[in-house]
Amino acid sequence: QVQLVESGGGSVQAGGSLRLSCAASGRTFTIFQMGWFRQAPGKEREFVAGISSTGVSTRYADSVKGRFTISRENAKNTVFLEMSSLKPDDTAVYYCAADSTWPLNGGMDYWGTGTLVTVSL
């Protein structure tokens, strides 16, 4: 049982950075693999980044490799997404999610409610 709440979204100009946070509910957080997904206007939701339950393994969408970094602090029940060199195409609602399987494939067990990131020129 995991409850997820995202925060840290906002508006930024192209080339800027943001750090998203996802706070999880309870002591079972360490069991789950965590991921970030996003949904841009007029597009389907897509995978962005994932991290294994221990934080040792990570995976990124090709579109964000080298620009985004996912991390987690299990003692704080929190997962992060550090975003840099942001582009207008990164504009989307970003969702935190949790699953029991690695690698992540989008079939997640739990989802947050999302946080909006808007990147302007």
C-alpha atoms as a PDB file:
ATOM      1  CA  GLN A   1       0.000   0.000   0.000  1.00  0.00           C
ATOM      2  CA  VAL A   2       1.573   3.236  -1.216  1.00  0.00           C
ATOM      3  CA  GLN A   3       0.113   6.720  -1.470  1.00  0.00           C
ATOM      4  CA  LEU A   4       2.042   9.116  -3.706  1.00  0.00           C
ATOM      5  CA  VAL A   5       2.000  12.919  -3.767  1.00  0.00           C
ATOM      6  CA  GLU A   6       4.048  14.907  -6.291  1.00  0.00           C
ATOM      7  CA  SER A   7       5.337  18.433  -5.811  1.00  0.00           C
ATOM      8  CA  GLY A   8       7.812  20.850  -7.357  1.00  0.00           C
ATOM      9  CA  GLY A   9       6.184  21.562 -10.680  1.00  0.00           C
ATOM     10  CA  GLY A  10       6.020  25.042 -12.096  1.00  0.00           C
ATOM     11  CA  SER A  11       6.963  27.286 -14.983  1.00  0.00           C
ATOM     12  CA  VAL A  12      10.495  27.692 -16.251  1.00  0.00           C
ATOM     13  CA  GLN A  13      12.193  29.049 -19.346  1.00  0.00           C
ATOM     14  CA  ALA A  14      13.968  26.781 -21.788  1.00  0.00           C
ATOM     15  CA  GLY A  15      17.381  25.801 -20.489  1.00  0.00           C
ATOM     16  CA  GLY A  16      16.284  26.058 -16.893  1.00  0.00           C
ATOM     17  CA  SER A  17      15.851  23.373 -14.281  1.00  0.00           C
ATOM     18  CA  LEU A  18      13.333  22.007 -11.816  1.00  0.00           C
ATOM     19  CA  ARG A  19      13.350  19.319  -9.170  1.00  0.00           C
ATOM     20  CA  LEU A  20      10.231  17.265  -8.688  1.00  0.00           C
ATOM     21  CA  SER A  21       9.547  15.349  -5.502  1.00  0.00           C
ATOM     22  CA  CYS A  22       7.258  12.427  -4.814  1.00  0.00           C
ATOM     23  CA  ALA A  23       6.413  11.639  -1.218  1.00  0.00           C
ATOM     24  CA  ALA A  24       5.248   8.111  -0.454  1.00  0.00           C
ATOM     25  CA  SER A  25       3.065   7.094   2.421  1.00  0.00           C
ATOM     26  CA  GLY A  26       4.551   4.297   4.453  1.00  0.00           C
ATOM     27  CA  ARG A  27       7.133   1.848   5.592  1.00  0.00           C
ATOM     28  CA  THR A  28       6.680  -0.436   2.569  1.00  0.00           C
ATOM     29  CA  PHE A  29       8.176   2.189   0.248  1.00  0.00           C
ATOM     30  CA  THR A  30      11.459   0.300  -0.004  1.00  0.00           C
ATOM     31  CA  ILE A  31       9.711  -2.661  -1.635  1.00  0.00           C
ATOM     32  CA  PHE A  32       8.697  -0.715  -4.713  1.00  0.00           C
ATOM     33  CA  GLN A  33      10.358   0.327  -7.897  1.00  0.00           C
ATOM     34  CA  MET A  34       9.529   3.966  -8.649  1.00  0.00           C
ATOM     35  CA  GLY A  35       8.994   5.828 -11.858  1.00  0.00           C
ATOM     36  CA  TRP A  36       8.140   9.149 -13.385  1.00  0.00           C
ATOM     37  CA  PHE A  37       5.775   9.464 -16.317  1.00  0.00           C
ATOM     38  CA  ARG A  38       4.451  12.480 -18.142  1.00  0.00           C
ATOM     39  CA  GLN A  39       1.563  13.448 -20.343  1.00  0.00           C
ATOM     40  CA  ALA A  40       1.896  16.409 -22.676  1.00  0.00           C
ATOM     41  CA  PRO A  41      -1.064  18.256 -24.166  1.00  0.00           C
ATOM     42  CA  GLY A  42      -2.652  16.176 -26.888  1.00  0.00           C
ATOM     43  CA  LYS A  43      -0.358  13.203 -26.285  1.00  0.00           C
ATOM     44  CA  GLU A  44      -0.521   9.906 -24.447  1.00  0.00           C
ATOM     45  CA  ARG A  45       1.237   9.345 -21.160  1.00  0.00           C
ATOM     46  CA  GLU A  46       4.844   8.239 -21.579  1.00  0.00           C
ATOM     47  CA  PHE A  47       7.598   6.807 -19.444  1.00  0.00           C
ATOM     48  CA  VAL A  48      10.274   9.272 -18.331  1.00  0.00           C
ATOM     49  CA  ALA A  49      12.508   7.644 -15.727  1.00  0.00           C
ATOM     50  CA  GLY A  50      12.590   4.702 -13.356  1.00  0.00           C
ATOM     51  CA  ILE A  51      14.583   3.606 -10.343  1.00  0.00           C
ATOM     52  CA  SER A  52      14.808   0.228  -8.637  1.00  0.00           C
ATOM     53  CA  SER A  53      13.727  -0.360  -5.066  1.00  0.00           C
ATOM     54  CA  THR A  54      17.284  -0.035  -3.768  1.00  0.00           C
ATOM     55  CA  GLY A  55      18.131   2.928  -5.969  1.00  0.00           C
ATOM     56  CA  VAL A  56      20.981   1.044  -7.612  1.00  0.00           C
ATOM     57  CA  SER A  57      19.432   0.741 -11.077  1.00  0.00           C
ATOM     58  CA  THR A  58      17.906   3.497 -13.180  1.00  0.00           C
ATOM     59  CA  ARG A  59      16.388   3.771 -16.623  1.00  0.00           C
ATOM     60  CA  TYR A  60      15.487   6.778 -18.757  1.00  0.00           C
ATOM     61  CA  ALA A  61      13.543   7.574 -21.856  1.00  0.00           C
ATOM     62  CA  ASP A  62      15.830   8.484 -24.738  1.00  0.00           C
ATOM     63  CA  SER A  63      14.301  11.947 -24.872  1.00  0.00           C
ATOM     64  CA  VAL A  64      15.541  12.850 -21.381  1.00  0.00           C
ATOM     65  CA  LYS A  65      18.833  10.972 -21.104  1.00  0.00           C
ATOM     66  CA  GLY A  66      21.616  13.268 -19.998  1.00  0.00           C
ATOM     67  CA  ARG A  67      19.168  15.924 -18.821  1.00  0.00           C
ATOM     68  CA  PHE A  68      17.045  14.251 -16.144  1.00  0.00           C
ATOM     69  CA  THR A  69      18.152  12.321 -13.075  1.00  0.00           C
ATOM     70  CA  ILE A  70      15.950  10.136 -10.912  1.00  0.00           C
ATOM     71  CA  SER A  71      16.941   9.381  -7.334  1.00  0.00           C
ATOM     72  CA  ARG A  72      15.380   8.228  -4.100  1.00  0.00           C
ATOM     73  CA  GLU A  73      15.871   8.542  -0.365  1.00  0.00           C
ATOM     74  CA  ASN A  74      14.223   5.495   1.104  1.00  0.00           C
ATOM     75  CA  ALA A  75      14.646   6.699   4.680  1.00  0.00           C
ATOM     76  CA  LYS A  76      12.503   9.712   3.759  1.00  0.00           C
ATOM     77  CA  ASN A  77      10.060   7.769   1.565  1.00  0.00           C
ATOM     78  CA  THR A  78      10.799  10.149  -1.284  1.00  0.00           C
ATOM     79  CA  VAL A  79      11.747   9.900  -4.945  1.00  0.00           C
ATOM     80  CA  PHE A  80      13.057  12.832  -6.973  1.00  0.00           C
ATOM     81  CA  LEU A  81      13.337  13.863 -10.581  1.00  0.00           C
ATOM     82  CA  GLU A  82      15.991  16.466 -11.275  1.00  0.00           C
ATOM     83  CA  MET A  83      15.366  18.105 -14.625  1.00  0.00           C
ATOM     84  CA  SER A  84      17.879  20.339 -16.359  1.00  0.00           C
ATOM     85  CA  SER A  85      18.299  21.847 -19.811  1.00  0.00           C
ATOM     86  CA  LEU A  86      14.546  21.880 -20.066  1.00  0.00           C
ATOM     87  CA  LYS A  87      12.905  22.185 -23.454  1.00  0.00           C
ATOM     88  CA  PRO A  88       9.413  23.284 -24.445  1.00  0.00           C
ATOM     89  CA  ASP A  89       8.749  19.655 -25.418  1.00  0.00           C
ATOM     90  CA  ASP A  90       9.178  18.741 -21.746  1.00  0.00           C
ATOM     91  CA  THR A  91       5.974  20.594 -20.934  1.00  0.00           C
ATOM     92  CA  ALA A  92       3.616  18.059 -19.418  1.00  0.00           C
ATOM     93  CA  VAL A  93       1.908  16.857 -16.300  1.00  0.00           C
ATOM     94  CA  TYR A  94       4.417  14.661 -14.496  1.00  0.00           C
ATOM     95  CA  TYR A  95       3.227  11.662 -12.515  1.00  0.00           C
ATOM     96  CA  CYS A  96       4.984   9.610  -9.892  1.00  0.00           C
ATOM     97  CA  ALA A  97       4.228   5.886  -9.830  1.00  0.00           C
ATOM     98  CA  ALA A  98       5.188   2.723  -7.968  1.00  0.00           C
ATOM     99  CA  ASP A  99       5.361  -0.920  -8.976  1.00  0.00           C
ATOM    100  CA  SER A 100       6.744  -4.228  -7.734  1.00  0.00           C
ATOM    101  CA  THR A 101       8.463  -5.186 -11.008  1.00  0.00           C
ATOM    102  CA  TRP A 102      11.778  -4.078 -12.501  1.00  0.00           C
ATOM    103  CA  PRO A 103      12.256  -2.875 -15.178  1.00  0.00           C
ATOM    104  CA  LEU A 104       9.202  -0.660 -15.213  1.00  0.00           C
ATOM    105  CA  ASN A 105       6.862  -1.033 -18.166  1.00  0.00           C
ATOM    106  CA  GLY A 106       4.063   1.377 -17.382  1.00  0.00           C
ATOM    107  CA  GLY A 107       1.820  -1.154 -15.699  1.00  0.00           C
ATOM    108  CA  MET A 108       2.164   0.514 -12.341  1.00  0.00           C
ATOM    109  CA  ASP A 109       0.396  -0.414  -9.117  1.00  0.00           C
ATOM    110  CA  TYR A 110       0.072   3.104  -7.695  1.00  0.00           C
ATOM    111  CA  TRP A 111      -0.080   6.592  -9.161  1.00  0.00           C
ATOM    112  CA  GLY A 112       0.182  10.115  -7.838  1.00  0.00           C
ATOM    113  CA  THR A 113      -2.099  12.915  -8.962  1.00  0.00           C
ATOM    114  CA  GLY A 114       0.505  14.742 -11.029  1.00  0.00           C
ATOM    115  CA  THR A 115       2.320  18.063 -11.064  1.00  0.00           C
ATOM    116  CA  LEU A 116       2.441  20.431 -14.021  1.00  0.00           C
ATOM    117  CA  VAL A 117       5.707  21.484 -15.621  1.00  0.00           C
ATOM    118  CA  THR A 118       5.581  24.263 -18.206  1.00  0.00           C
ATOM    119  CA  VAL A 119       8.671  25.170 -20.213  1.00  0.00           C
ATOM    120  CA  SER A 120       8.599  28.304 -22.336  1.00  0.00           C
ATOM    121  CA  LEU A 121      10.995  29.759 -24.876  1.00  0.00           C
END
